[in-house]
Amino acid sequence: MVRPQSEIKRTVDRGEAIYDASIKDQLSDDQLGMFLAIDTNTGEYEIGKSSMSVTLKLHDRVDDADVYVMRHGGMPVLTFGGYIPDSE
C-alpha cells in the first residue's frame, strides 16, 4: 500500500516531536547511534542495534503501530549514493 505524502509527513513530524519531547533525555550517551522505532500514535518505542529488530519488537507489542524509525543522536538512517563529507 502506498501512503499519501501527507501521511508520511505526519508520521515523520510526530516521530521527531515524540523523540524530542519524551525520549531523547531518557537515553544515555552510550546509546548514541542506536536505532529507535517509535509508534507515533502511542509514543511507545524500542531501541537497539538493528532497525529491523526494533521495528519488529514494536509491532509485536503495539497493534497497528504507525512506526517512525530513526537513530538516536540525529545520525542518518540511510544514505543513497555519493558520500557524506567530513564536517569542517
PDB file of N, CA and C in Angstrom:
ATOM      1  N   MET A   1       0.837  -1.180   0.000  1.00  0.00           N
ATOM      2  CA  MET A   1       0.000   0.000   0.000  1.00  0.00           C
ATOM      3  C   MET A   1       0.885   1.248   0.000  1.00  0.00           C
ATOM      4  N   VAL A   2       0.621   2.138  -0.902  1.00  0.00           N
ATOM      5  CA  VAL A   2       1.353   3.393  -0.977  1.00  0.00           C
ATOM      6  C   VAL A   2       0.612   4.430  -0.135  1.00  0.00           C
ATOM      7  N   ARG A   3       1.356   5.080   0.751  1.00  0.00           N
ATOM      8  CA  ARG A   3       0.757   6.094   1.621  1.00  0.00           C
ATOM      9  C   ARG A   3       0.911   7.468   0.992  1.00  0.00           C
ATOM     10  N   PRO A   4      -0.114   8.307   1.137  1.00  0.00           N
ATOM     11  CA  PRO A   4      -0.002   9.681   0.632  1.00  0.00           C
ATOM     12  C   PRO A   4       1.126  10.433   1.341  1.00  0.00           C
ATOM     13  N   GLN A   5       1.724  11.368   0.626  1.00  0.00           N
ATOM     14  CA  GLN A   5       2.824  12.162   1.165  1.00  0.00           C
ATOM     15  C   GLN A   5       2.447  12.854   2.472  1.00  0.00           C
ATOM     16  N   SER A   6       1.193  13.287   2.590  1.00  0.00           N
ATOM     17  CA  SER A   6       0.758  13.980   3.807  1.00  0.00           C
ATOM     18  C   SER A   6       0.784  13.046   5.021  1.00  0.00           C
ATOM     19  N   GLU A   7       0.457  11.766   4.839  1.00  0.00           N
ATOM     20  CA  GLU A   7       0.521  10.799   5.934  1.00  0.00           C
ATOM     21  C   GLU A   7       1.963  10.525   6.341  1.00  0.00           C
ATOM     22  N   ILE A   8       2.834  10.433   5.357  1.00  0.00           N
ATOM     23  CA  ILE A   8       4.253  10.197   5.643  1.00  0.00           C
ATOM     24  C   ILE A   8       4.820  11.384   6.419  1.00  0.00           C
ATOM     25  N   LYS A   9       4.493  12.588   5.984  1.00  0.00           N
ATOM     26  CA  LYS A   9       4.972  13.784   6.685  1.00  0.00           C
ATOM     27  C   LYS A   9       4.454  13.822   8.120  1.00  0.00           C
ATOM     28  N   ARG A  10       3.195  13.434   8.333  1.00  0.00           N
ATOM     29  CA  ARG A  10       2.632  13.393   9.681  1.00  0.00           C
ATOM     30  C   ARG A  10       3.411  12.410  10.557  1.00  0.00           C
ATOM     31  N   THR A  11       3.728  11.240  10.025  1.00  0.00           N
ATOM     32  CA  THR A  11       4.482  10.242  10.783  1.00  0.00           C
ATOM     33  C   THR A  11       5.858  10.767  11.152  1.00  0.00           C
ATOM     34  N   VAL A  12       6.538  11.379  10.207  1.00  0.00           N
ATOM     35  CA  VAL A  12       7.878  11.931  10.458  1.00  0.00           C
ATOM     36  C   VAL A  12       7.800  13.043  11.502  1.00  0.00           C
ATOM     37  N   ASP A  13       6.894  13.977  11.315  1.00  0.00           N
ATOM     38  CA  ASP A  13       6.765  15.098  12.259  1.00  0.00           C
ATOM     39  C   ASP A  13       6.423  14.620  13.662  1.00  0.00           C
ATOM     40  N   ARG A  14       5.473  13.697  13.786  1.00  0.00           N
ATOM     41  CA  ARG A  14       5.078  13.161  15.099  1.00  0.00           C
ATOM     42  C   ARG A  14       6.232  12.374  15.724  1.00  0.00           C
ATOM     43  N   GLY A  15       6.916  11.554  14.932  1.00  0.00           N
ATOM     44  CA  GLY A  15       8.031  10.766  15.460  1.00  0.00           C
ATOM     45  C   GLY A  15       9.134  11.648  16.016  1.00  0.00           C
ATOM     46  N   GLU A  16       9.499  12.683  15.283  1.00  0.00           N
ATOM     47  CA  GLU A  16      10.547  13.592  15.741  1.00  0.00           C
ATOM     48  C   GLU A  16      10.097  14.387  16.967  1.00  0.00           C
ATOM     49  N   ALA A  17       8.821  14.783  17.001  1.00  0.00           N
ATOM     50  CA  ALA A  17       8.308  15.527  18.158  1.00  0.00           C
ATOM     51  C   ALA A  17       8.295  14.656  19.409  1.00  0.00           C
ATOM     52  N   ILE A  18       7.894  13.409  19.271  1.00  0.00           N
ATOM     53  CA  ILE A  18       7.879  12.482  20.410  1.00  0.00           C
ATOM     54  C   ILE A  18       9.301  12.249  20.904  1.00  0.00           C
ATOM     55  N   TYR A  19      10.231  12.043  19.978  1.00  0.00           N
ATOM     56  CA  TYR A  19      11.636  11.838  20.344  1.00  0.00           C
ATOM     57  C   TYR A  19      12.160  13.036  21.132  1.00  0.00           C
ATOM     58  N   ASP A  20      11.942  14.236  20.610  1.00  0.00           N
ATOM     59  CA  ASP A  20      12.443  15.453  21.265  1.00  0.00           C
ATOM     60  C   ASP A  20      11.800  15.692  22.634  1.00  0.00           C
ATOM     61  N   ALA A  21      10.502  15.459  22.746  1.00  0.00           N
ATOM     62  CA  ALA A  21       9.782  15.782  23.970  1.00  0.00           C
ATOM     63  C   ALA A  21       9.859  14.703  25.040  1.00  0.00           C
ATOM     64  N   SER A  22       9.919  13.438  24.643  1.00  0.00           N
ATOM     65  CA  SER A  22       9.737  12.366  25.627  1.00  0.00           C
ATOM     66  C   SER A  22      10.851  11.334  25.722  1.00  0.00           C
ATOM     67  N   ILE A  23      11.642  11.192  24.674  1.00  0.00           N
ATOM     68  CA  ILE A  23      12.587  10.065  24.640  1.00  0.00           C
ATOM     69  C   ILE A  23      14.033  10.500  24.777  1.00  0.00           C
ATOM     70  N   LYS A  24      14.430  11.524  24.040  1.00  0.00           N
ATOM     71  CA  LYS A  24      15.842  11.918  23.924  1.00  0.00           C
ATOM     72  C   LYS A  24      16.542  12.058  25.272  1.00  0.00           C
ATOM     73  N   ASP A  25      15.917  12.713  26.219  1.00  0.00           N
ATOM     74  CA  ASP A  25      16.556  12.965  27.517  1.00  0.00           C
ATOM     75  C   ASP A  25      16.632  11.725  28.402  1.00  0.00           C
ATOM     76  N   GLN A  26      15.898  10.671  28.061  1.00  0.00           N
ATOM     77  CA  GLN A  26      15.939   9.426  28.829  1.00  0.00           C
ATOM     78  C   GLN A  26      17.094   8.519  28.408  1.00  0.00           C
ATOM     79  N   LEU A  27      17.664   8.770  27.232  1.00  0.00           N
ATOM     80  CA  LEU A  27      18.689   7.885  26.683  1.00  0.00           C
ATOM     81  C   LEU A  27      20.082   8.352  27.089  1.00  0.00           C
ATOM     82  N   SER A  28      20.987   7.401  27.203  1.00  0.00           N
ATOM     83  CA  SER A  28      22.354   7.709  27.624  1.00  0.00           C
ATOM     84  C   SER A  28      23.269   7.904  26.415  1.00  0.00           C
ATOM     85  N   ASP A  29      24.433   8.480  26.666  1.00  0.00           N
ATOM     86  CA  ASP A  29      25.400   8.722  25.596  1.00  0.00           C
ATOM     87  C   ASP A  29      25.887   7.429  24.955  1.00  0.00           C
ATOM     88  N   ASP A  30      25.920   6.334  25.711  1.00  0.00           N
ATOM     89  CA  ASP A  30      26.386   5.073  25.124  1.00  0.00           C
ATOM     90  C   ASP A  30      25.332   4.469  24.181  1.00  0.00           C
ATOM     91  N   GLN A  31      24.159   5.071  24.106  1.00  0.00           N
ATOM     92  CA  GLN A  31      23.125   4.632  23.172  1.00  0.00           C
ATOM     93  C   GLN A  31      23.109   5.477  21.893  1.00  0.00           C
ATOM     94  N   LEU A  32      24.029   6.437  21.780  1.00  0.00           N
ATOM     95  CA  LEU A  32      24.118   7.255  20.565  1.00  0.00           C
ATOM     96  C   LEU A  32      24.321   6.354  19.349  1.00  0.00           C
ATOM     97  N   GLY A  33      23.586   6.626  18.292  1.00  0.00           N
ATOM     98  CA  GLY A  33      23.694   5.865  17.057  1.00  0.00           C
ATOM     99  C   GLY A  33      22.811   4.640  17.010  1.00  0.00           C
ATOM    100  N   MET A  34      22.186   4.275  18.122  1.00  0.00           N
ATOM    101  CA  MET A  34      21.292   3.117  18.120  1.00  0.00           C
ATOM    102  C   MET A  34      19.975   3.478  17.444  1.00  0.00           C
ATOM    103  N   PHE A  35      19.305   2.471  16.913  1.00  0.00           N
ATOM    104  CA  PHE A  35      18.041   2.670  16.218  1.00  0.00           C
ATOM    105  C   PHE A  35      16.884   2.757  17.199  1.00  0.00           C
ATOM    106  N   LEU A  36      15.951   3.640  16.888  1.00  0.00           N
ATOM    107  CA  LEU A  36      14.696   3.769  17.633  1.00  0.00           C
ATOM    108  C   LEU A  36      13.548   3.520  16.671  1.00  0.00           C
ATOM    109  N   ALA A  37      12.588   2.732  17.109  1.00  0.00           N
ATOM    110  CA  ALA A  37      11.314   2.598  16.411  1.00  0.00           C
ATOM    111  C   ALA A  37      10.281   3.200  17.345  1.00  0.00           C
ATOM    112  N   ILE A  38       9.602   4.233  16.875  1.00  0.00           N
ATOM    113  CA  ILE A  38       8.635   4.973  17.698  1.00  0.00           C
ATOM    114  C   ILE A  38       7.251   4.822  17.090  1.00  0.00           C
ATOM    115  N   ASP A  39       6.269   4.409  17.911  1.00  0.00           N
ATOM    116  CA  ASP A  39       4.886   4.401  17.460  1.00  0.00           C
ATOM    117  C   ASP A  39       4.344   5.815  17.616  1.00  0.00           C
ATOM    118  N   THR A  40       3.996   6.448  16.508  1.00  0.00           N
ATOM    119  CA  THR A  40       3.584   7.850  16.548  1.00  0.00           C
ATOM    120  C   THR A  40       2.172   8.035  17.093  1.00  0.00           C
ATOM    121  N   ASN A  41       1.462   6.941  17.322  1.00  0.00           N
ATOM    122  CA  ASN A  41       0.123   7.037  17.917  1.00  0.00           C
ATOM    123  C   ASN A  41       0.182   6.995  19.438  1.00  0.00           C
ATOM    124  N   THR A  42       1.079   6.177  19.998  1.00  0.00           N
ATOM    125  CA  THR A  42       1.102   5.960  21.446  1.00  0.00           C
ATOM    126  C   THR A  42       2.344   6.526  22.136  1.00  0.00           C
ATOM    127  N   GLY A  43       3.429   6.756  21.386  1.00  0.00           N
ATOM    128  CA  GLY A  43       4.686   7.189  21.985  1.00  0.00           C
ATOM    129  C   GLY A  43       5.543   6.036  22.482  1.00  0.00           C
ATOM    130  N   GLU A  44       5.041   4.804  22.375  1.00  0.00           N
ATOM    131  CA  GLU A  44       5.834   3.630  22.749  1.00  0.00           C
ATOM    132  C   GLU A  44       7.033   3.525  21.804  1.00  0.00           C
ATOM    133  N   TYR A  45       8.145   2.977  22.303  1.00  0.00           N
ATOM    134  CA  TYR A  45       9.317   2.846  21.449  1.00  0.00           C
ATOM    135  C   TYR A  45      10.162   1.651  21.852  1.00  0.00           C
ATOM    136  N   GLU A  46      11.020   1.246  20.931  1.00  0.00           N
ATOM    137  CA  GLU A  46      12.044   0.223  21.157  1.00  0.00           C
ATOM    138  C   GLU A  46      13.364   0.812  20.705  1.00  0.00           C
ATOM    139  N   ILE A  47      14.455   0.401  21.343  1.00  0.00           N
ATOM    140  CA  ILE A  47      15.788   0.853  20.958  1.00  0.00           C
ATOM    141  C   ILE A  47      16.702  -0.361  20.848  1.00  0.00           C
ATOM    142  N   GLY A  48      17.585  -0.349  19.837  1.00  0.00           N
ATOM    143  CA  GLY A  48      18.500  -1.465  19.643  1.00  0.00           C
ATOM    144  C   GLY A  48      19.465  -1.193  18.509  1.00  0.00           C
ATOM    145  N   LYS A  49      20.222  -2.215  18.159  1.00  0.00           N
ATOM    146  CA  LYS A  49      21.290  -2.071  17.165  1.00  0.00           C
ATOM    147  C   LYS A  49      20.831  -2.275  15.727  1.00  0.00           C
ATOM    148  N   SER A  50      19.609  -2.767  15.527  1.00  0.00           N
ATOM    149  CA  SER A  50      19.118  -3.054  14.183  1.00  0.00           C
ATOM    150  C   SER A  50      17.760  -2.398  13.973  1.00  0.00           C
ATOM    151  N   SER A  51      17.600  -1.716  12.847  1.00  0.00           N
ATOM    152  CA  SER A  51      16.314  -1.083  12.559  1.00  0.00           C
ATOM    153  C   SER A  51      15.209  -2.117  12.423  1.00  0.00           C
ATOM    154  N   MET A  52      15.526  -3.255  11.829  1.00  0.00           N
ATOM    155  CA  MET A  52      14.518  -4.297  11.649  1.00  0.00           C
ATOM    156  C   MET A  52      14.099  -4.900  12.985  1.00  0.00           C
ATOM    157  N   SER A  53      15.049  -5.171  13.863  1.00  0.00           N
ATOM    158  CA  SER A  53      14.696  -5.801  15.143  1.00  0.00           C
ATOM    159  C   SER A  53      13.837  -4.881  16.011  1.00  0.00           C
ATOM    160  N   VAL A  54      14.157  -3.588  16.052  1.00  0.00           N
ATOM    161  CA  VAL A  54      13.350  -2.683  16.878  1.00  0.00           C
ATOM    162  C   VAL A  54      11.951  -2.495  16.286  1.00  0.00           C
ATOM    163  N   THR A  55      11.858  -2.487  14.968  1.00  0.00           N
ATOM    164  CA  THR A  55      10.557  -2.367  14.315  1.00  0.00           C
ATOM    165  C   THR A  55       9.689  -3.584  14.608  1.00  0.00           C
ATOM    166  N   LEU A  56      10.274  -4.778  14.484  1.00  0.00           N
ATOM    167  CA  LEU A  56       9.515  -5.999  14.754  1.00  0.00           C
ATOM    168  C   LEU A  56       9.095  -6.091  16.214  1.00  0.00           C
ATOM    169  N   LYS A  57       9.982  -5.731  17.139  1.00  0.00           N
ATOM    170  CA  LYS A  57       9.633  -5.752  18.566  1.00  0.00           C
ATOM    171  C   LYS A  57       8.482  -4.800  18.864  1.00  0.00           C
ATOM    172  N   LEU A  58       8.512  -3.612  18.250  1.00  0.00           N
ATOM    173  CA  LEU A  58       7.443  -2.642  18.481  1.00  0.00           C
ATOM    174  C   LEU A  58       6.123  -3.154  17.923  1.00  0.00           C
ATOM    175  N   HIS A  59       6.154  -3.729  16.718  1.00  0.00           N
ATOM    176  CA  HIS A  59       4.930  -4.278  16.130  1.00  0.00           C
ATOM    177  C   HIS A  59       4.389  -5.444  16.962  1.00  0.00           C
ATOM    178  N   ASP A  60       5.266  -6.210  17.594  1.00  0.00           N
ATOM    179  CA  ASP A  60       4.817  -7.295  18.473  1.00  0.00           C
ATOM    180  C   ASP A  60       4.078  -6.760  19.700  1.00  0.00           C
ATOM    181  N   ARG A  61       4.501  -5.617  20.203  1.00  0.00           N
ATOM    182  CA  ARG A  61       3.903  -5.038  21.416  1.00  0.00           C
ATOM    183  C   ARG A  61       2.699  -4.153  21.155  1.00  0.00           C
ATOM    184  N   VAL A  62       2.699  -3.439  20.027  1.00  0.00           N
ATOM    185  CA  VAL A  62       1.662  -2.420  19.769  1.00  0.00           C
ATOM    186  C   VAL A  62       0.902  -2.782  18.489  1.00  0.00           C
ATOM    187  N   ASP A  63      -0.376  -3.095  18.651  1.00  0.00           N
ATOM    188  CA  ASP A  63      -1.213  -3.385  17.486  1.00  0.00           C
ATOM    189  C   ASP A  63      -1.359  -2.143  16.618  1.00  0.00           C
ATOM    190  N   ASP A  64      -1.273  -2.316  15.318  1.00  0.00           N
ATOM    191  CA  ASP A  64      -1.463  -1.226  14.354  1.00  0.00           C
ATOM    192  C   ASP A  64      -0.540  -0.033  14.594  1.00  0.00           C
ATOM    193  N   ALA A  65       0.687  -0.301  14.997  1.00  0.00           N
ATOM    194  CA  ALA A  65       1.649   0.777  15.235  1.00  0.00           C
ATOM    195  C   ALA A  65       1.937   1.526  13.936  1.00  0.00           C
ATOM    196  N   ASP A  66       2.034   2.841  14.034  1.00  0.00           N
ATOM    197  CA  ASP A  66       2.472   3.701  12.935  1.00  0.00           C
ATOM    198  C   ASP A  66       3.921   4.044  13.272  1.00  0.00           C
ATOM    199  N   VAL A  67       4.858   3.340  12.650  1.00  0.00           N
ATOM    200  CA  VAL A  67       6.245   3.341  13.101  1.00  0.00           C
ATOM    201  C   VAL A  67       7.106   4.351  12.350  1.00  0.00           C
ATOM    202  N   TYR A  68       7.852   5.108  13.136  1.00  0.00           N
ATOM    203  CA  TYR A  68       8.886   6.018  12.628  1.00  0.00           C
ATOM    204  C   TYR A  68      10.219   5.486  13.150  1.00  0.00           C
ATOM    205  N   VAL A  69      11.182   5.255  12.251  1.00  0.00           N
ATOM    206  CA  VAL A  69      12.495   4.737  12.633  1.00  0.00           C
ATOM    207  C   VAL A  69      13.535   5.824  12.451  1.00  0.00           C
ATOM    208  N   MET A  70      14.378   5.965  13.470  1.00  0.00           N
ATOM    209  CA  MET A  70      15.453   6.965  13.430  1.00  0.00           C
ATOM    210  C   MET A  70      16.629   6.437  14.243  1.00  0.00           C
ATOM    211  N   ARG A  71      17.709   7.185  14.239  1.00  0.00           N
ATOM    212  CA  ARG A  71      18.853   6.855  15.079  1.00  0.00           C
ATOM    213  C   ARG A  71      18.992   7.918  16.157  1.00  0.00           C
ATOM    214  N   HIS A  72      19.272   7.473  17.358  1.00  0.00           N
ATOM    215  CA  HIS A  72      19.475   8.392  18.483  1.00  0.00           C
ATOM    216  C   HIS A  72      20.699   9.256  18.203  1.00  0.00           C
ATOM    217  N   GLY A  73      20.539  10.548  18.355  1.00  0.00           N
ATOM    218  CA  GLY A  73      21.635  11.477  18.128  1.00  0.00           C
ATOM    219  C   GLY A  73      21.606  12.125  16.760  1.00  0.00           C
ATOM    220  N   GLY A  74      20.569  11.864  15.985  1.00  0.00           N
ATOM    221  CA  GLY A  74      20.415  12.530  14.702  1.00  0.00           C
ATOM    222  C   GLY A  74      21.269  11.987  13.573  1.00  0.00           C
ATOM    223  N   MET A  75      21.852  10.817  13.754  1.00  0.00           N
ATOM    224  CA  MET A  75      22.653  10.222  12.683  1.00  0.00           C
ATOM    225  C   MET A  75      21.725   9.723  11.581  1.00  0.00           C
ATOM    226  N   PRO A  76      22.133   9.820  10.302  1.00  0.00           N
ATOM    227  CA  PRO A  76      21.265   9.366   9.216  1.00  0.00           C
ATOM    228  C   PRO A  76      21.009   7.859   9.302  1.00  0.00           C
ATOM    229  N   VAL A  77      19.786   7.460   8.962  1.00  0.00           N
ATOM    230  CA  VAL A  77      19.460   6.034   8.906  1.00  0.00           C
ATOM    231  C   VAL A  77      19.945   5.459   7.588  1.00  0.00           C
ATOM    232  N   LEU A  78      19.695   6.155   6.492  1.00  0.00           N
ATOM    233  CA  LEU A  78      20.078   5.685   5.167  1.00  0.00           C
ATOM    234  C   LEU A  78      20.737   6.804   4.381  1.00  0.00           C
ATOM    235  N   THR A  79      21.630   6.413   3.500  1.00  0.00           N
ATOM    236  CA  THR A  79      22.144   7.364   2.509  1.00  0.00           C
ATOM    237  C   THR A  79      22.040   6.683   1.162  1.00  0.00           C
ATOM    238  N   PHE A  80      21.872   7.454   0.117  1.00  0.00           N
ATOM    239  CA  PHE A  80      21.751   6.908  -1.221  1.00  0.00           C
ATOM    240  C   PHE A  80      22.817   7.517  -2.116  1.00  0.00           C
ATOM    241  N   GLY A  81      23.781   6.697  -2.503  1.00  0.00           N
ATOM    242  CA  GLY A  81      24.809   7.155  -3.411  1.00  0.00           C
ATOM    243  C   GLY A  81      25.720   8.210  -2.796  1.00  0.00           C
ATOM    244  N   GLY A  82      26.774   8.506  -3.501  1.00  0.00           N
ATOM    245  CA  GLY A  82      27.687   9.551  -3.059  1.00  0.00           C
ATOM    246  C   GLY A  82      28.303   9.260  -1.697  1.00  0.00           C
ATOM    247  N   TYR A  83      28.642  10.300  -0.999  1.00  0.00           N
ATOM    248  CA  TYR A  83      29.248  10.164   0.312  1.00  0.00           C
ATOM    249  C   TYR A  83      28.852  11.339   1.173  1.00  0.00           C
ATOM    250  N   ILE A  84      29.066  11.200   2.453  1.00  0.00           N
ATOM    251  CA  ILE A  84      28.817  12.296   3.383  1.00  0.00           C
ATOM    252  C   ILE A  84      30.184  12.884   3.725  1.00  0.00           C
ATOM    253  N   PRO A  85      30.456  14.136   3.317  1.00  0.00           N
ATOM    254  CA  PRO A  85      31.775  14.712   3.583  1.00  0.00           C
ATOM    255  C   PRO A  85      31.971  14.979   5.067  1.00  0.00           C
ATOM    256  N   ASP A  86      33.240  14.963   5.488  1.00  0.00           N
ATOM    257  CA  ASP A  86      33.564  15.299   6.871  1.00  0.00           C
ATOM    258  C   ASP A  86      33.154  16.743   7.128  1.00  0.00           C
ATOM    259  N   SER A  87      32.639  16.976   8.346  1.00  0.00           N
ATOM    260  CA  SER A  87      32.273  18.359   8.679  1.00  0.00           C
ATOM    261  C   SER A  87      33.540  19.154   8.916  1.00  0.00           C
ATOM    262  N   GLU A  88      33.476  20.416   8.590  1.00  0.00           N
ATOM    263  CA  GLU A  88      34.656  21.266   8.736  1.00  0.00           C
ATOM    264  C   GLU A  88      34.582  22.080   9.990  1.00  0.00           C
TER     265      GLU A  88
END
